[in-house]
N, C-alpha and C. Protein backbone atom coordinates (compact mmCIF):
# COMPACT_ATOMS: atom_id res chain seq x y z
N MET A 1 -16.47 -1.97 14.42
CA MET A 1 -15.08 -2.30 14.15
C MET A 1 -15.00 -3.32 13.01
N VAL A 2 -14.07 -3.12 12.11
CA VAL A 2 -13.84 -4.03 11.00
C VAL A 2 -12.92 -5.14 11.48
N ASN A 3 -13.40 -6.37 11.38
CA ASN A 3 -12.61 -7.52 11.82
C ASN A 3 -11.52 -7.86 10.82
N ARG A 4 -10.48 -8.51 11.31
CA ARG A 4 -9.39 -9.01 10.47
C ARG A 4 -9.99 -10.01 9.47
N PRO A 5 -9.57 -9.97 8.21
CA PRO A 5 -10.12 -10.90 7.23
C PRO A 5 -9.69 -12.34 7.50
N SER A 6 -10.56 -13.26 7.15
CA SER A 6 -10.21 -14.69 7.26
C SER A 6 -9.40 -15.09 6.03
N ALA A 7 -8.74 -16.21 6.09
CA ALA A 7 -7.87 -16.68 5.00
C ALA A 7 -8.63 -16.91 3.70
N GLU A 8 -9.94 -17.10 3.76
CA GLU A 8 -10.74 -17.31 2.55
C GLU A 8 -11.03 -16.01 1.81
N GLU A 9 -10.65 -14.88 2.38
CA GLU A 9 -10.99 -13.59 1.80
C GLU A 9 -9.88 -13.00 0.92
N TYR A 10 -8.78 -13.71 0.77
CA TYR A 10 -7.67 -13.18 -0.01
C TYR A 10 -6.76 -14.31 -0.45
N PRO A 11 -5.93 -14.08 -1.48
CA PRO A 11 -4.98 -15.09 -1.91
C PRO A 11 -3.92 -15.33 -0.83
N ALA A 12 -3.45 -16.55 -0.74
CA ALA A 12 -2.50 -16.94 0.31
C ALA A 12 -1.23 -16.09 0.29
N TYR A 13 -0.82 -15.60 -0.89
CA TYR A 13 0.43 -14.84 -0.94
C TYR A 13 0.34 -13.49 -0.23
N TYR A 14 -0.84 -13.07 0.18
CA TYR A 14 -0.98 -11.83 0.95
C TYR A 14 -0.98 -12.08 2.46
N GLN A 15 -0.93 -13.32 2.87
CA GLN A 15 -1.02 -13.63 4.30
C GLN A 15 0.07 -12.94 5.11
N GLY A 16 1.28 -12.92 4.60
CA GLY A 16 2.38 -12.27 5.32
C GLY A 16 2.13 -10.80 5.58
N TYR A 17 1.54 -10.11 4.62
CA TYR A 17 1.20 -8.70 4.82
C TYR A 17 0.13 -8.54 5.88
N ILE A 18 -0.90 -9.33 5.78
CA ILE A 18 -2.02 -9.22 6.71
C ILE A 18 -1.59 -9.54 8.13
N GLU A 19 -0.69 -10.50 8.28
CA GLU A 19 -0.20 -10.85 9.62
C GLU A 19 0.61 -9.73 10.25
N LEU A 20 1.19 -8.85 9.46
CA LEU A 20 1.96 -7.72 10.00
C LEU A 20 1.08 -6.65 10.64
N VAL A 21 -0.19 -6.61 10.28
CA VAL A 21 -1.09 -5.57 10.74
C VAL A 21 -1.48 -5.85 12.20
N PRO A 22 -1.21 -4.92 13.09
CA PRO A 22 -1.57 -5.14 14.50
C PRO A 22 -3.08 -5.09 14.69
N ASP A 23 -3.53 -5.61 15.80
CA ASP A 23 -4.95 -5.56 16.13
C ASP A 23 -5.37 -4.11 16.31
N GLY A 24 -6.61 -3.84 16.02
CA GLY A 24 -7.17 -2.50 16.15
C GLY A 24 -8.01 -2.17 14.94
N GLU A 25 -8.64 -1.02 14.97
CA GLU A 25 -9.47 -0.57 13.86
C GLU A 25 -8.58 -0.22 12.68
N ILE A 26 -8.83 -0.85 11.53
CA ILE A 26 -7.95 -0.69 10.36
C ILE A 26 -7.87 0.75 9.89
N THR A 27 -8.98 1.48 9.91
CA THR A 27 -8.91 2.87 9.47
C THR A 27 -8.08 3.72 10.42
N ASP A 28 -8.15 3.43 11.71
CA ASP A 28 -7.32 4.15 12.69
C ASP A 28 -5.84 3.83 12.48
N LEU A 29 -5.55 2.58 12.18
CA LEU A 29 -4.16 2.19 11.94
C LEU A 29 -3.59 2.90 10.71
N LEU A 30 -4.38 2.94 9.65
CA LEU A 30 -3.94 3.64 8.43
C LEU A 30 -3.81 5.14 8.67
N ALA A 31 -4.75 5.72 9.38
CA ALA A 31 -4.71 7.16 9.68
C ALA A 31 -3.51 7.50 10.56
N GLY A 32 -3.18 6.60 11.48
CA GLY A 32 -2.05 6.83 12.38
C GLY A 32 -0.72 6.91 11.66
N LYS A 33 -0.62 6.30 10.50
CA LYS A 33 0.63 6.33 9.73
C LYS A 33 0.75 7.58 8.85
N LEU A 34 -0.36 8.23 8.58
CA LEU A 34 -0.38 9.33 7.62
C LEU A 34 0.70 10.37 7.88
N ASN A 35 0.68 11.00 9.04
CA ASN A 35 1.66 12.05 9.33
C ASN A 35 3.04 11.48 9.63
N ASP A 36 3.08 10.36 10.35
CA ASP A 36 4.38 9.77 10.70
C ASP A 36 5.19 9.44 9.45
N VAL A 37 4.59 8.71 8.53
CA VAL A 37 5.31 8.28 7.33
C VAL A 37 5.55 9.46 6.40
N GLY A 38 4.56 10.31 6.22
CA GLY A 38 4.73 11.48 5.36
C GLY A 38 5.86 12.38 5.84
N ASP A 39 5.89 12.64 7.14
CA ASP A 39 6.96 13.48 7.71
C ASP A 39 8.32 12.79 7.59
N TRP A 40 8.35 11.47 7.81
CA TRP A 40 9.61 10.71 7.72
C TRP A 40 10.17 10.82 6.30
N ILE A 41 9.32 10.62 5.29
CA ILE A 41 9.76 10.71 3.90
C ILE A 41 10.29 12.11 3.60
N ASP A 42 9.56 13.12 4.05
CA ASP A 42 9.91 14.51 3.77
C ASP A 42 11.27 14.89 4.36
N GLN A 43 11.67 14.23 5.42
CA GLN A 43 12.93 14.58 6.10
C GLN A 43 14.13 13.75 5.64
N LEU A 44 13.93 12.85 4.70
CA LEU A 44 15.04 12.01 4.23
C LEU A 44 16.03 12.85 3.43
N PRO A 45 17.33 12.58 3.57
CA PRO A 45 18.33 13.32 2.80
C PRO A 45 18.31 12.88 1.33
N GLU A 46 18.37 13.83 0.42
CA GLU A 46 18.26 13.53 -1.02
C GLU A 46 19.33 12.55 -1.50
N GLU A 47 20.51 12.56 -0.89
CA GLU A 47 21.56 11.65 -1.35
C GLU A 47 21.19 10.18 -1.14
N LEU A 48 20.21 9.91 -0.30
CA LEU A 48 19.74 8.55 -0.07
C LEU A 48 18.86 8.05 -1.22
N GLY A 49 18.30 8.96 -1.99
CA GLY A 49 17.31 8.64 -3.00
C GLY A 49 17.70 7.60 -4.02
N GLU A 50 18.95 7.63 -4.49
CA GLU A 50 19.38 6.70 -5.53
C GLU A 50 20.17 5.52 -4.97
N TYR A 51 20.20 5.40 -3.66
CA TYR A 51 20.92 4.29 -3.03
C TYR A 51 20.22 2.96 -3.29
N ARG A 52 21.01 1.94 -3.64
CA ARG A 52 20.56 0.56 -3.77
C ARG A 52 21.40 -0.28 -2.82
N TYR A 53 20.78 -1.14 -2.07
CA TYR A 53 21.57 -1.96 -1.14
C TYR A 53 22.30 -3.09 -1.84
N ALA A 54 21.94 -3.37 -3.08
CA ALA A 54 22.62 -4.38 -3.90
C ALA A 54 22.37 -4.04 -5.36
N PRO A 55 23.28 -4.48 -6.25
CA PRO A 55 23.06 -4.24 -7.68
C PRO A 55 21.73 -4.85 -8.12
N GLU A 56 21.09 -4.20 -9.07
CA GLU A 56 19.82 -4.67 -9.64
C GLU A 56 18.61 -4.52 -8.70
N LYS A 57 18.82 -4.00 -7.51
CA LYS A 57 17.68 -3.73 -6.60
C LYS A 57 17.18 -2.33 -6.88
N TRP A 58 15.94 -2.08 -6.51
CA TRP A 58 15.37 -0.75 -6.69
C TRP A 58 16.09 0.26 -5.81
N THR A 59 16.06 1.52 -6.23
CA THR A 59 16.62 2.58 -5.39
C THR A 59 15.66 2.84 -4.24
N PHE A 60 16.14 3.57 -3.26
CA PHE A 60 15.31 3.94 -2.11
C PHE A 60 14.02 4.63 -2.60
N LYS A 61 14.17 5.59 -3.51
CA LYS A 61 13.00 6.32 -4.02
C LYS A 61 12.07 5.39 -4.81
N GLU A 62 12.63 4.45 -5.54
CA GLU A 62 11.79 3.52 -6.29
C GLU A 62 10.96 2.64 -5.34
N VAL A 63 11.55 2.25 -4.24
CA VAL A 63 10.80 1.45 -3.25
C VAL A 63 9.65 2.27 -2.69
N LEU A 64 9.91 3.52 -2.35
CA LEU A 64 8.83 4.39 -1.87
C LEU A 64 7.75 4.57 -2.93
N GLY A 65 8.17 4.79 -4.17
CA GLY A 65 7.20 4.94 -5.26
C GLY A 65 6.35 3.69 -5.42
N HIS A 66 6.97 2.54 -5.31
CA HIS A 66 6.24 1.27 -5.38
C HIS A 66 5.22 1.16 -4.26
N MET A 67 5.61 1.54 -3.05
CA MET A 67 4.69 1.47 -1.91
C MET A 67 3.47 2.36 -2.16
N ILE A 68 3.70 3.55 -2.65
CA ILE A 68 2.61 4.50 -2.90
C ILE A 68 1.72 4.01 -4.04
N GLU A 69 2.32 3.57 -5.13
CA GLU A 69 1.52 3.11 -6.27
C GLU A 69 0.74 1.84 -5.94
N THR A 70 1.30 0.99 -5.11
CA THR A 70 0.56 -0.21 -4.71
C THR A 70 -0.67 0.18 -3.91
N GLU A 71 -0.55 1.16 -3.02
CA GLU A 71 -1.73 1.63 -2.30
C GLU A 71 -2.75 2.22 -3.25
N ARG A 72 -2.30 2.97 -4.22
CA ARG A 72 -3.21 3.57 -5.20
C ARG A 72 -3.98 2.49 -5.95
N ILE A 73 -3.28 1.45 -6.38
CA ILE A 73 -3.90 0.34 -7.11
C ILE A 73 -4.85 -0.44 -6.20
N MET A 74 -4.41 -0.75 -4.99
CA MET A 74 -5.26 -1.52 -4.06
C MET A 74 -6.51 -0.72 -3.68
N SER A 75 -6.38 0.59 -3.56
CA SER A 75 -7.54 1.43 -3.25
C SER A 75 -8.54 1.44 -4.40
N TYR A 76 -8.03 1.47 -5.62
CA TYR A 76 -8.92 1.37 -6.77
C TYR A 76 -9.66 0.04 -6.77
N ARG A 77 -8.92 -1.02 -6.52
CA ARG A 77 -9.55 -2.34 -6.44
C ARG A 77 -10.60 -2.36 -5.34
N LEU A 78 -10.26 -1.80 -4.19
CA LEU A 78 -11.18 -1.74 -3.06
C LEU A 78 -12.46 -0.99 -3.45
N LEU A 79 -12.32 0.12 -4.14
CA LEU A 79 -13.47 0.89 -4.61
C LEU A 79 -14.37 0.04 -5.50
N CYS A 80 -13.77 -0.63 -6.48
CA CYS A 80 -14.55 -1.45 -7.41
C CYS A 80 -15.31 -2.54 -6.68
N VAL A 81 -14.63 -3.26 -5.80
CA VAL A 81 -15.27 -4.36 -5.07
C VAL A 81 -16.33 -3.81 -4.13
N ALA A 82 -16.04 -2.73 -3.44
CA ALA A 82 -17.00 -2.14 -2.49
C ALA A 82 -18.29 -1.72 -3.19
N ARG A 83 -18.18 -1.29 -4.43
CA ARG A 83 -19.36 -0.84 -5.16
C ARG A 83 -20.10 -1.98 -5.85
N GLY A 84 -19.62 -3.20 -5.66
CA GLY A 84 -20.30 -4.36 -6.21
C GLY A 84 -19.96 -4.66 -7.66
N ASP A 85 -18.93 -4.01 -8.18
CA ASP A 85 -18.50 -4.26 -9.56
C ASP A 85 -17.92 -5.67 -9.63
N GLN A 86 -18.49 -6.51 -10.45
CA GLN A 86 -18.03 -7.88 -10.58
C GLN A 86 -17.07 -8.10 -11.75
N THR A 87 -16.63 -6.99 -12.37
CA THR A 87 -15.64 -7.10 -13.43
C THR A 87 -14.34 -7.60 -12.82
N PRO A 88 -13.76 -8.69 -13.36
CA PRO A 88 -12.47 -9.16 -12.83
C PRO A 88 -11.40 -8.07 -12.99
N LEU A 89 -10.69 -7.81 -11.91
CA LEU A 89 -9.66 -6.78 -11.90
C LEU A 89 -8.30 -7.42 -12.17
N PRO A 90 -7.50 -6.81 -13.06
CA PRO A 90 -6.22 -7.42 -13.44
C PRO A 90 -5.14 -7.24 -12.37
N GLY A 91 -4.10 -8.04 -12.50
CA GLY A 91 -2.90 -7.85 -11.69
C GLY A 91 -2.09 -6.71 -12.31
N PHE A 92 -0.90 -6.49 -11.76
CA PHE A 92 -0.02 -5.49 -12.34
C PHE A 92 1.42 -5.94 -12.17
N ASP A 93 2.27 -5.52 -13.10
CA ASP A 93 3.68 -5.87 -13.06
C ASP A 93 4.42 -4.76 -12.32
N GLU A 94 4.76 -5.03 -11.08
CA GLU A 94 5.39 -4.00 -10.25
C GLU A 94 6.70 -3.49 -10.85
N ASN A 95 7.44 -4.33 -11.52
CA ASN A 95 8.70 -3.90 -12.12
C ASN A 95 8.47 -2.92 -13.27
N GLU A 96 7.44 -3.17 -14.07
CA GLU A 96 7.10 -2.24 -15.15
C GLU A 96 6.66 -0.88 -14.58
N TYR A 97 5.85 -0.94 -13.53
CA TYR A 97 5.40 0.31 -12.91
C TYR A 97 6.59 1.11 -12.40
N VAL A 98 7.50 0.45 -11.70
CA VAL A 98 8.66 1.15 -11.15
C VAL A 98 9.55 1.70 -12.26
N SER A 99 9.80 0.90 -13.28
CA SER A 99 10.71 1.36 -14.34
C SER A 99 10.13 2.52 -15.16
N ASN A 100 8.81 2.66 -15.15
CA ASN A 100 8.17 3.74 -15.91
C ASN A 100 7.70 4.91 -15.05
N ALA A 101 7.99 4.89 -13.78
CA ALA A 101 7.48 5.92 -12.88
C ALA A 101 8.37 7.16 -12.80
N ALA A 102 9.64 7.06 -13.09
CA ALA A 102 10.58 8.18 -13.00
C ALA A 102 10.59 8.83 -11.63
N VAL A 103 10.39 8.02 -10.60
CA VAL A 103 10.33 8.55 -9.23
C VAL A 103 11.68 9.07 -8.76
N VAL A 104 12.78 8.57 -9.31
CA VAL A 104 14.10 9.04 -8.87
C VAL A 104 14.33 10.51 -9.20
N SER A 105 13.58 11.05 -10.15
CA SER A 105 13.73 12.46 -10.49
C SER A 105 12.93 13.37 -9.56
N ARG A 106 12.14 12.79 -8.69
CA ARG A 106 11.33 13.57 -7.75
C ARG A 106 12.08 13.76 -6.44
N THR A 107 11.79 14.83 -5.74
CA THR A 107 12.40 15.06 -4.43
C THR A 107 11.63 14.27 -3.38
N PHE A 108 12.24 14.08 -2.24
CA PHE A 108 11.53 13.41 -1.14
C PHE A 108 10.33 14.24 -0.71
N GLU A 109 10.43 15.55 -0.82
CA GLU A 109 9.28 16.39 -0.48
C GLU A 109 8.10 16.08 -1.42
N GLU A 110 8.38 15.94 -2.71
CA GLU A 110 7.32 15.61 -3.67
C GLU A 110 6.75 14.22 -3.42
N ILE A 111 7.62 13.29 -3.09
CA ILE A 111 7.18 11.92 -2.80
C ILE A 111 6.31 11.91 -1.54
N ALA A 112 6.69 12.69 -0.55
CA ALA A 112 5.90 12.78 0.68
C ALA A 112 4.51 13.35 0.39
N LYS A 113 4.44 14.34 -0.47
CA LYS A 113 3.14 14.92 -0.84
C LYS A 113 2.28 13.88 -1.56
N ASP A 114 2.89 13.11 -2.42
CA ASP A 114 2.16 12.06 -3.13
C ASP A 114 1.64 11.02 -2.14
N TYR A 115 2.50 10.59 -1.23
CA TYR A 115 2.08 9.64 -0.19
C TYR A 115 0.88 10.19 0.59
N THR A 116 0.97 11.43 1.01
CA THR A 116 -0.09 12.05 1.80
C THR A 116 -1.40 12.12 1.01
N ALA A 117 -1.30 12.47 -0.26
CA ALA A 117 -2.50 12.55 -1.10
C ALA A 117 -3.15 11.18 -1.28
N VAL A 118 -2.35 10.18 -1.54
CA VAL A 118 -2.88 8.82 -1.74
C VAL A 118 -3.49 8.30 -0.45
N ARG A 119 -2.78 8.46 0.67
CA ARG A 119 -3.30 7.95 1.93
C ARG A 119 -4.59 8.69 2.33
N THR A 120 -4.61 10.00 2.12
CA THR A 120 -5.83 10.77 2.43
C THR A 120 -7.00 10.27 1.59
N ALA A 121 -6.77 10.00 0.31
CA ALA A 121 -7.82 9.48 -0.56
C ALA A 121 -8.28 8.10 -0.08
N THR A 122 -7.34 7.26 0.32
CA THR A 122 -7.69 5.93 0.84
C THR A 122 -8.57 6.06 2.08
N LEU A 123 -8.19 6.93 2.99
CA LEU A 123 -8.96 7.12 4.22
C LEU A 123 -10.34 7.69 3.94
N THR A 124 -10.44 8.60 2.99
CA THR A 124 -11.74 9.15 2.62
C THR A 124 -12.63 8.06 2.05
N LEU A 125 -12.06 7.22 1.21
CA LEU A 125 -12.81 6.09 0.64
C LEU A 125 -13.30 5.16 1.75
N LEU A 126 -12.41 4.77 2.64
CA LEU A 126 -12.76 3.84 3.71
C LEU A 126 -13.82 4.42 4.64
N SER A 127 -13.74 5.71 4.92
CA SER A 127 -14.68 6.33 5.85
C SER A 127 -16.10 6.36 5.31
N GLY A 128 -16.25 6.25 4.01
CA GLY A 128 -17.57 6.28 3.40
C GLY A 128 -18.18 4.91 3.16
N LEU A 129 -17.49 3.85 3.57
CA LEU A 129 -18.01 2.50 3.34
C LEU A 129 -19.10 2.13 4.34
N SER A 130 -20.11 1.46 3.86
CA SER A 130 -21.16 0.94 4.75
C SER A 130 -20.67 -0.37 5.37
N GLU A 131 -21.32 -0.81 6.42
CA GLU A 131 -20.97 -2.10 7.04
C GLU A 131 -21.11 -3.24 6.04
N GLU A 132 -22.07 -3.13 5.15
CA GLU A 132 -22.32 -4.18 4.16
C GLU A 132 -21.20 -4.28 3.12
N ALA A 133 -20.48 -3.20 2.92
CA ALA A 133 -19.43 -3.19 1.89
C ALA A 133 -18.19 -3.96 2.30
N TRP A 134 -17.83 -3.94 3.56
CA TRP A 134 -16.56 -4.52 4.02
C TRP A 134 -16.38 -6.00 3.67
N PRO A 135 -17.39 -6.85 3.81
CA PRO A 135 -17.20 -8.26 3.46
C PRO A 135 -17.47 -8.56 1.97
N ARG A 136 -17.82 -7.55 1.19
CA ARG A 136 -18.14 -7.76 -0.22
C ARG A 136 -16.93 -8.33 -0.95
N LYS A 137 -17.19 -9.26 -1.86
CA LYS A 137 -16.12 -9.99 -2.54
C LYS A 137 -16.14 -9.72 -4.04
N GLY A 138 -14.95 -9.57 -4.60
CA GLY A 138 -14.78 -9.43 -6.04
C GLY A 138 -13.61 -10.29 -6.48
N THR A 139 -13.29 -10.22 -7.77
CA THR A 139 -12.18 -11.01 -8.31
C THR A 139 -11.03 -10.07 -8.63
N VAL A 140 -9.91 -10.31 -7.96
CA VAL A 140 -8.72 -9.48 -8.13
C VAL A 140 -7.56 -10.38 -8.55
N ASN A 141 -7.02 -10.10 -9.72
CA ASN A 141 -5.91 -10.90 -10.24
C ASN A 141 -6.25 -12.40 -10.23
N GLY A 142 -7.51 -12.70 -10.57
CA GLY A 142 -7.95 -14.08 -10.66
C GLY A 142 -8.35 -14.73 -9.36
N ASN A 143 -8.37 -13.97 -8.27
CA ASN A 143 -8.66 -14.53 -6.96
C ASN A 143 -9.79 -13.79 -6.26
N PRO A 144 -10.65 -14.53 -5.55
CA PRO A 144 -11.68 -13.86 -4.76
C PRO A 144 -11.03 -13.07 -3.63
N THR A 145 -11.44 -11.81 -3.48
CA THR A 145 -10.85 -10.92 -2.49
C THR A 145 -11.92 -9.99 -1.96
N THR A 146 -11.91 -9.74 -0.64
CA THR A 146 -12.90 -8.84 -0.05
C THR A 146 -12.34 -7.44 0.14
N VAL A 147 -13.27 -6.52 0.34
CA VAL A 147 -12.92 -5.14 0.65
C VAL A 147 -12.06 -5.11 1.92
N ARG A 148 -12.51 -5.82 2.94
CA ARG A 148 -11.77 -5.87 4.21
C ARG A 148 -10.33 -6.34 3.99
N ALA A 149 -10.17 -7.39 3.19
CA ALA A 149 -8.82 -7.89 2.93
C ALA A 149 -7.97 -6.85 2.22
N LEU A 150 -8.55 -6.13 1.26
CA LEU A 150 -7.78 -5.12 0.54
C LEU A 150 -7.31 -4.01 1.47
N ALA A 151 -8.13 -3.61 2.43
CA ALA A 151 -7.70 -2.60 3.40
C ALA A 151 -6.52 -3.11 4.22
N TYR A 152 -6.59 -4.36 4.64
CA TYR A 152 -5.49 -4.95 5.41
C TYR A 152 -4.24 -5.14 4.56
N ILE A 153 -4.42 -5.47 3.29
CA ILE A 153 -3.27 -5.60 2.39
C ILE A 153 -2.56 -4.26 2.24
N ILE A 154 -3.31 -3.18 2.12
CA ILE A 154 -2.71 -1.84 2.04
C ILE A 154 -1.85 -1.58 3.28
N ALA A 155 -2.42 -1.82 4.45
CA ALA A 155 -1.68 -1.57 5.70
C ALA A 155 -0.47 -2.49 5.82
N GLY A 156 -0.65 -3.76 5.52
CA GLY A 156 0.45 -4.72 5.64
C GLY A 156 1.55 -4.49 4.64
N HIS A 157 1.19 -4.13 3.41
CA HIS A 157 2.21 -3.85 2.40
C HIS A 157 3.06 -2.66 2.81
N GLU A 158 2.42 -1.64 3.38
CA GLU A 158 3.18 -0.49 3.85
C GLU A 158 4.15 -0.90 4.96
N LEU A 159 3.68 -1.67 5.93
CA LEU A 159 4.55 -2.11 7.02
C LEU A 159 5.71 -2.96 6.50
N HIS A 160 5.42 -3.84 5.56
CA HIS A 160 6.45 -4.68 4.94
C HIS A 160 7.50 -3.82 4.24
N THR A 161 7.03 -2.86 3.44
CA THR A 161 7.93 -2.02 2.66
C THR A 161 8.79 -1.13 3.55
N LEU A 162 8.19 -0.53 4.56
CA LEU A 162 8.96 0.30 5.48
C LEU A 162 10.00 -0.53 6.23
N GLY A 163 9.65 -1.76 6.55
CA GLY A 163 10.61 -2.67 7.19
C GLY A 163 11.80 -2.94 6.30
N ILE A 164 11.56 -3.17 5.03
CA ILE A 164 12.65 -3.40 4.07
C ILE A 164 13.53 -2.16 3.97
N LEU A 165 12.92 -0.99 3.88
CA LEU A 165 13.71 0.24 3.79
C LEU A 165 14.60 0.41 5.01
N LYS A 166 14.06 0.17 6.18
CA LYS A 166 14.83 0.37 7.41
C LYS A 166 15.90 -0.71 7.60
N GLU A 167 15.61 -1.95 7.23
CA GLU A 167 16.56 -3.04 7.43
C GLU A 167 17.63 -3.12 6.36
N ARG A 168 17.28 -2.85 5.11
CA ARG A 168 18.23 -3.07 4.02
C ARG A 168 18.82 -1.80 3.45
N TYR A 169 18.12 -0.68 3.57
CA TYR A 169 18.60 0.55 2.96
C TYR A 169 19.21 1.52 3.97
N LEU A 170 18.71 1.51 5.19
CA LEU A 170 19.21 2.46 6.17
C LEU A 170 20.30 1.89 7.07
N LYS A 171 20.58 0.62 6.97
CA LYS A 171 21.65 0.00 7.76
C LYS A 171 22.85 -0.22 6.88
N LYS A 172 23.31 0.86 6.28
CA LYS A 172 24.48 0.74 5.38
C LYS A 172 25.75 1.15 6.07
């Protein structure tokens, strides 16, 4: 079983995400969301896609796109660190990614397929890690970060994002 990362394994600004992750095997937790979240996205009504709960906020689809792209980026970082690559990995500007993604032109069905593909790739990556890889540390956005922490950040970011969608976008 992969243990929850200690505070020394990630930047403090990720603590809120990691705290959202329930106890249990991280790969099982991520796998458990695969069909639930994918099916939920696929069943959303298209008219919800461009909804913003306030001016200047991202649309519903942009929030989903951000969640998926963040997992894609964190999985890449996880791969690099797991393989012992000591090249410092850069941060990313989430607003630039969202503004250039054109996710609002995609259907929820297409977004669900993207989510499923990304999550499946993440799970495949995690399933192939050795025990020695999980505590391995690299530099991410200028901060020491472990493989284990990156897996928890993926799970916590998803939980955080889904919470925002349900609390701010679906309670209109």
